[in-house]
């Protein structure tokens, strides 16, 4: 006995975005874009102050790590500051700070990593971020900034590789 195949029915859901915007996007308002760009330009000094404040907070957290170590609240506080800077650096026109803060975040992102991470390497990240801000090193087009970021990332990758290899050694 051969079963009859049921016909397949294709259902295409309606494009709700098209319905909500009326099927097309209107013309781009070049004047509005110009005003927004000018507003961002006017805020450059404010961005610099905000970034300076965030780096100050990172350094305060690093000082606490120097006295208490990476375990516990001190390490968690440093991670929180690094995580914040990772998101802000590029916004404030310092993508090299985003890169260095991302490296620091990767180094100390979990309690397990903070237990084996080098506090000296974490502090080196903090000092590199401060140096980038002080020397106005904004991106990897600066050879010193690029070399520093690459070295920090290399050391973090080596540490993370050791960390990831530990369970394999313990099981073997």
C-alpha atoms as a PDB file:
ATOM      1  CA  UNK A   1       0.000   0.000   0.000  1.00  0.00           C
ATOM      2  CA  UNK A   2       1.488   3.297  -1.100  1.00  0.00           C
ATOM      3  CA  UNK A   3       0.808   6.386   0.969  1.00  0.00           C
ATOM      4  CA  UNK A   4      -0.336   9.450  -0.849  1.00  0.00           C
ATOM      5  CA  UNK A   5       1.899  12.417  -0.331  1.00  0.00           C
ATOM      6  CA  UNK A   6       0.311  15.539   1.014  1.00  0.00           C
ATOM      7  CA  UNK A   7       0.850  18.673  -1.073  1.00  0.00           C
ATOM      8  CA  UNK A   8       3.251  21.167   0.475  1.00  0.00           C
ATOM      9  CA  UNK A   9       1.924  24.628   1.153  1.00  0.00           C
ATOM     10  CA  UNK A  10       4.403  27.500   1.486  1.00  0.00           C
ATOM     11  CA  UNK A  11       3.350  30.277   3.836  1.00  0.00           C
ATOM     12  CA  UNK A  12       5.169  33.565   3.592  1.00  0.00           C
ATOM     13  CA  UNK A  13       4.654  35.747   6.652  1.00  0.00           C
ATOM     14  CA  UNK A  14       3.969  39.421   5.988  1.00  0.00           C
ATOM     15  CA  UNK A  15       6.931  41.814   6.193  1.00  0.00           C
ATOM     16  CA  UNK A  16       5.860  43.815   9.234  1.00  0.00           C
ATOM     17  CA  UNK A  17       8.725  46.288   8.893  1.00  0.00           C
ATOM     18  CA  UNK A  18       7.522  47.212   5.418  1.00  0.00           C
ATOM     19  CA  UNK A  19       3.985  47.614   6.766  1.00  0.00           C
ATOM     20  CA  UNK A  20       5.171  49.853   9.617  1.00  0.00           C
ATOM     21  CA  UNK A  21       7.265  52.179   7.444  1.00  0.00           C
ATOM     22  CA  UNK A  22       4.835  52.294   4.578  1.00  0.00           C
ATOM     23  CA  UNK A  23       6.758  50.104   2.166  1.00  0.00           C
ATOM     24  CA  UNK A  24       9.734  52.385   1.624  1.00  0.00           C
ATOM     25  CA  UNK A  25      12.142  54.661   3.402  1.00  0.00           C
ATOM     26  CA  UNK A  26      11.883  58.330   2.605  1.00  0.00           C
ATOM     27  CA  UNK A  27      14.704  60.489   1.302  1.00  0.00           C
ATOM     28  CA  UNK A  28      17.738  60.990   3.523  1.00  0.00           C
ATOM     29  CA  UNK A  29      17.807  64.365   5.237  1.00  0.00           C
ATOM     30  CA  UNK A  30      21.365  65.539   4.563  1.00  0.00           C
ATOM     31  CA  UNK A  31      20.873  68.591   6.790  1.00  0.00           C
ATOM     32  CA  UNK A  32      19.916  66.381   9.736  1.00  0.00           C
ATOM     33  CA  UNK A  33      23.030  64.281   9.173  1.00  0.00           C
ATOM     34  CA  UNK A  34      25.125  67.453   9.045  1.00  0.00           C
ATOM     35  CA  UNK A  35      23.627  68.684  12.322  1.00  0.00           C
ATOM     36  CA  UNK A  36      24.312  65.340  13.984  1.00  0.00           C
ATOM     37  CA  UNK A  37      27.928  65.351  12.773  1.00  0.00           C
ATOM     38  CA  UNK A  38      28.409  68.894  14.092  1.00  0.00           C
ATOM     39  CA  UNK A  39      26.905  67.917  17.447  1.00  0.00           C
ATOM     40  CA  UNK A  40      29.343  65.002  17.692  1.00  0.00           C
ATOM     41  CA  UNK A  41      32.241  67.274  16.768  1.00  0.00           C
ATOM     42  CA  UNK A  42      31.165  69.759  19.453  1.00  0.00           C
ATOM     43  CA  UNK A  43      31.166  66.922  21.998  1.00  0.00           C
ATOM     44  CA  UNK A  44      34.776  65.878  21.297  1.00  0.00           C
ATOM     45  CA  UNK A  45      36.066  67.631  24.414  1.00  0.00           C
ATOM     46  CA  UNK A  46      33.330  66.062  26.526  1.00  0.00           C
ATOM     47  CA  UNK A  47      34.234  62.633  25.114  1.00  0.00           C
ATOM     48  CA  UNK A  48      37.866  63.224  26.125  1.00  0.00           C
ATOM     49  CA  UNK A  49      36.766  64.091  29.675  1.00  0.00           C
ATOM     50  CA  UNK A  50      34.524  61.016  29.879  1.00  0.00           C
ATOM     51  CA  UNK A  51      37.283  58.749  28.613  1.00  0.00           C
ATOM     52  CA  UNK A  52      39.754  60.290  31.062  1.00  0.00           C
ATOM     53  CA  UNK A  53      37.301  59.600  33.888  1.00  0.00           C
ATOM     54  CA  UNK A  54      36.865  55.968  32.815  1.00  0.00           C
ATOM     55  CA  UNK A  55      40.632  55.426  32.630  1.00  0.00           C
ATOM     56  CA  UNK A  56      40.944  56.958  36.124  1.00  0.00           C
ATOM     57  CA  UNK A  57      38.418  54.379  37.359  1.00  0.00           C
ATOM     58  CA  UNK A  58      40.394  51.597  35.630  1.00  0.00           C
ATOM     59  CA  UNK A  59      43.584  52.745  37.343  1.00  0.00           C
ATOM     60  CA  UNK A  60      41.853  52.859  40.743  1.00  0.00           C
ATOM     61  CA  UNK A  61      40.677  49.280  40.207  1.00  0.00           C
ATOM     62  CA  UNK A  62      44.217  48.288  39.162  1.00  0.00           C
ATOM     63  CA  UNK A  63      45.645  49.784  42.372  1.00  0.00           C
ATOM     64  CA  UNK A  64      43.223  47.688  44.343  1.00  0.00           C
ATOM     65  CA  UNK A  65      44.376  44.607  42.407  1.00  0.00           C
ATOM     66  CA  UNK A  66      47.990  45.464  43.247  1.00  0.00           C
ATOM     67  CA  UNK A  67      47.195  45.337  46.958  1.00  0.00           C
ATOM     68  CA  UNK A  68      44.538  42.574  47.025  1.00  0.00           C
ATOM     69  CA  UNK A  69      45.302  40.451  43.943  1.00  0.00           C
ATOM     70  CA  UNK A  70      43.019  39.452  41.090  1.00  0.00           C
ATOM     71  CA  UNK A  71      40.849  37.133  43.167  1.00  0.00           C
ATOM     72  CA  UNK A  72      37.650  38.351  44.697  1.00  0.00           C
ATOM     73  CA  UNK A  73      36.122  41.785  44.434  1.00  0.00           C
ATOM     74  CA  UNK A  74      39.303  43.538  43.280  1.00  0.00           C
ATOM     75  CA  UNK A  75      39.622  41.382  40.161  1.00  0.00           C
ATOM     76  CA  UNK A  76      35.921  41.587  39.463  1.00  0.00           C
ATOM     77  CA  UNK A  77      36.105  45.382  39.744  1.00  0.00           C
ATOM     78  CA  UNK A  78      39.009  45.533  37.292  1.00  0.00           C
ATOM     79  CA  UNK A  79      37.106  43.337  34.865  1.00  0.00           C
ATOM     80  CA  UNK A  80      34.037  45.607  35.101  1.00  0.00           C
ATOM     81  CA  UNK A  81      36.144  48.686  34.303  1.00  0.00           C
ATOM     82  CA  UNK A  82      37.929  46.932  31.415  1.00  0.00           C
ATOM     83  CA  UNK A  83      34.594  45.719  30.052  1.00  0.00           C
ATOM     84  CA  UNK A  84      33.220  49.276  30.143  1.00  0.00           C
ATOM     85  CA  UNK A  85      36.264  50.665  28.337  1.00  0.00           C
ATOM     86  CA  UNK A  86      36.058  47.912  25.739  1.00  0.00           C
ATOM     87  CA  UNK A  87      32.695  49.338  24.768  1.00  0.00           C
ATOM     88  CA  UNK A  88      33.662  53.011  24.999  1.00  0.00           C
ATOM     89  CA  UNK A  89      37.066  53.339  23.393  1.00  0.00           C
ATOM     90  CA  UNK A  90      35.898  53.282  19.798  1.00  0.00           C
ATOM     91  CA  UNK A  91      32.902  55.477  20.586  1.00  0.00           C
ATOM     92  CA  UNK A  92      35.299  58.071  22.013  1.00  0.00           C
ATOM     93  CA  UNK A  93      37.567  57.772  18.957  1.00  0.00           C
ATOM     94  CA  UNK A  94      40.223  55.572  20.622  1.00  0.00           C
ATOM     95  CA  UNK A  95      39.840  52.135  19.037  1.00  0.00           C
ATOM     96  CA  UNK A  96      43.279  51.135  20.379  1.00  0.00           C
ATOM     97  CA  UNK A  97      41.857  51.490  23.900  1.00  0.00           C
ATOM     98  CA  UNK A  98      38.948  49.261  22.915  1.00  0.00           C
ATOM     99  CA  UNK A  99      41.454  46.696  21.659  1.00  0.00           C
ATOM    100  CA  UNK A 100      43.595  46.796  24.810  1.00  0.00           C
ATOM    101  CA  UNK A 101      40.566  46.721  27.104  1.00  0.00           C
ATOM    102  CA  UNK A 102      39.208  43.718  25.175  1.00  0.00           C
ATOM    103  CA  UNK A 103      42.516  41.938  25.734  1.00  0.00           C
ATOM    104  CA  UNK A 104      42.400  42.722  29.460  1.00  0.00           C
ATOM    105  CA  UNK A 105      38.781  41.565  29.611  1.00  0.00           C
ATOM    106  CA  UNK A 106      39.721  38.267  27.979  1.00  0.00           C
ATOM    107  CA  UNK A 107      42.544  37.820  30.497  1.00  0.00           C
ATOM    108  CA  UNK A 108      40.314  38.173  33.566  1.00  0.00           C
ATOM    109  CA  UNK A 109      36.764  37.518  32.352  1.00  0.00           C
ATOM    110  CA  UNK A 110      36.071  34.555  34.639  1.00  0.00           C
ATOM    111  CA  UNK A 111      36.864  33.697  38.224  1.00  0.00           C
ATOM    112  CA  UNK A 112      38.910  30.719  37.019  1.00  0.00           C
ATOM    113  CA  UNK A 113      41.016  32.894  34.724  1.00  0.00           C
ATOM    114  CA  UNK A 114      41.549  35.492  37.456  1.00  0.00           C
ATOM    115  CA  UNK A 115      42.903  32.726  39.704  1.00  0.00           C
ATOM    116  CA  UNK A 116      45.723  31.897  37.284  1.00  0.00           C
ATOM    117  CA  UNK A 117      46.162  35.228  35.481  1.00  0.00           C
ATOM    118  CA  UNK A 118      49.184  37.387  36.087  1.00  0.00           C
ATOM    119  CA  UNK A 119      48.316  40.537  38.013  1.00  0.00           C
ATOM    120  CA  UNK A 120      51.393  42.106  36.406  1.00  0.00           C
ATOM    121  CA  UNK A 121      49.970  41.460  32.945  1.00  0.00           C
ATOM    122  CA  UNK A 122      46.634  42.954  33.998  1.00  0.00           C
ATOM    123  CA  UNK A 123      48.427  46.047  35.346  1.00  0.00           C
ATOM    124  CA  UNK A 124      50.465  46.271  32.119  1.00  0.00           C
ATOM    125  CA  UNK A 125      47.183  46.530  30.199  1.00  0.00           C
ATOM    126  CA  UNK A 126      46.067  49.354  32.467  1.00  0.00           C
ATOM    127  CA  UNK A 127      49.344  51.211  31.986  1.00  0.00           C
ATOM    128  CA  UNK A 128      49.166  50.726  28.214  1.00  0.00           C
ATOM    129  CA  UNK A 129      45.642  52.154  28.134  1.00  0.00           C
ATOM    130  CA  UNK A 130      46.750  55.191  30.135  1.00  0.00           C
ATOM    131  CA  UNK A 131      49.765  55.655  27.841  1.00  0.00           C
ATOM    132  CA  UNK A 132      47.564  55.498  24.738  1.00  0.00           C
ATOM    133  CA  UNK A 133      45.313  58.196  26.144  1.00  0.00           C
ATOM    134  CA  UNK A 134      48.195  60.374  27.369  1.00  0.00           C
ATOM    135  CA  UNK A 135      50.126  60.074  24.081  1.00  0.00           C
ATOM    136  CA  UNK A 136      46.976  60.445  21.943  1.00  0.00           C
ATOM    137  CA  UNK A 137      47.546  57.034  20.351  1.00  0.00           C
ATOM    138  CA  UNK A 138      44.137  56.354  18.880  1.00  0.00           C
ATOM    139  CA  UNK A 139      44.486  53.319  16.643  1.00  0.00           C
ATOM    140  CA  UNK A 140      46.811  50.686  15.243  1.00  0.00           C
ATOM    141  CA  UNK A 141      48.088  53.056  12.573  1.00  0.00           C
ATOM    142  CA  UNK A 142      50.468  54.203  15.291  1.00  0.00           C
ATOM    143  CA  UNK A 143      53.296  51.622  15.227  1.00  0.00           C
ATOM    144  CA  UNK A 144      53.969  51.871  18.984  1.00  0.00           C
ATOM    145  CA  UNK A 145      50.297  51.415  19.821  1.00  0.00           C
ATOM    146  CA  UNK A 146      49.970  48.503  17.411  1.00  0.00           C
ATOM    147  CA  UNK A 147      53.088  46.761  18.765  1.00  0.00           C
ATOM    148  CA  UNK A 148      51.964  47.241  22.353  1.00  0.00           C
ATOM    149  CA  UNK A 149      48.462  45.916  21.670  1.00  0.00           C
ATOM    150  CA  UNK A 150      49.847  42.920  19.774  1.00  0.00           C
ATOM    151  CA  UNK A 151      52.262  42.049  22.592  1.00  0.00           C
ATOM    152  CA  UNK A 152      49.537  42.270  25.231  1.00  0.00           C
ATOM    153  CA  UNK A 153      47.216  40.124  23.104  1.00  0.00           C
ATOM    154  CA  UNK A 154      49.953  37.545  22.508  1.00  0.00           C
ATOM    155  CA  UNK A 155      50.619  37.193  26.221  1.00  0.00           C
ATOM    156  CA  UNK A 156      46.909  36.878  26.949  1.00  0.00           C
ATOM    157  CA  UNK A 157      46.493  34.215  24.241  1.00  0.00           C
ATOM    158  CA  UNK A 158      49.359  32.222  25.763  1.00  0.00           C
ATOM    159  CA  UNK A 159      47.805  32.427  29.222  1.00  0.00           C
ATOM    160  CA  UNK A 160      44.353  31.500  27.914  1.00  0.00           C
ATOM    161  CA  UNK A 161      45.842  28.531  26.021  1.00  0.00           C
ATOM    162  CA  UNK A 162      47.434  27.313  29.270  1.00  0.00           C
ATOM    163  CA  UNK A 163      44.129  27.757  31.072  1.00  0.00           C
ATOM    164  CA  UNK A 164      42.210  25.809  28.432  1.00  0.00           C
ATOM    165  CA  UNK A 165      44.858  23.079  28.450  1.00  0.00           C
ATOM    166  CA  UNK A 166      44.621  22.535  32.244  1.00  0.00           C
ATOM    167  CA  UNK A 167      41.526  20.286  32.280  1.00  0.00           C
ATOM    168  CA  UNK A 168      43.091  18.107  29.570  1.00  0.00           C
ATOM    169  CA  UNK A 169      46.229  17.647  31.699  1.00  0.00           C
ATOM    170  CA  UNK A 170      44.195  16.923  34.823  1.00  0.00           C
ATOM    171  CA  UNK A 171      42.104  14.306  32.995  1.00  0.00           C
ATOM    172  CA  UNK A 172      45.164  12.688  31.347  1.00  0.00           C
END
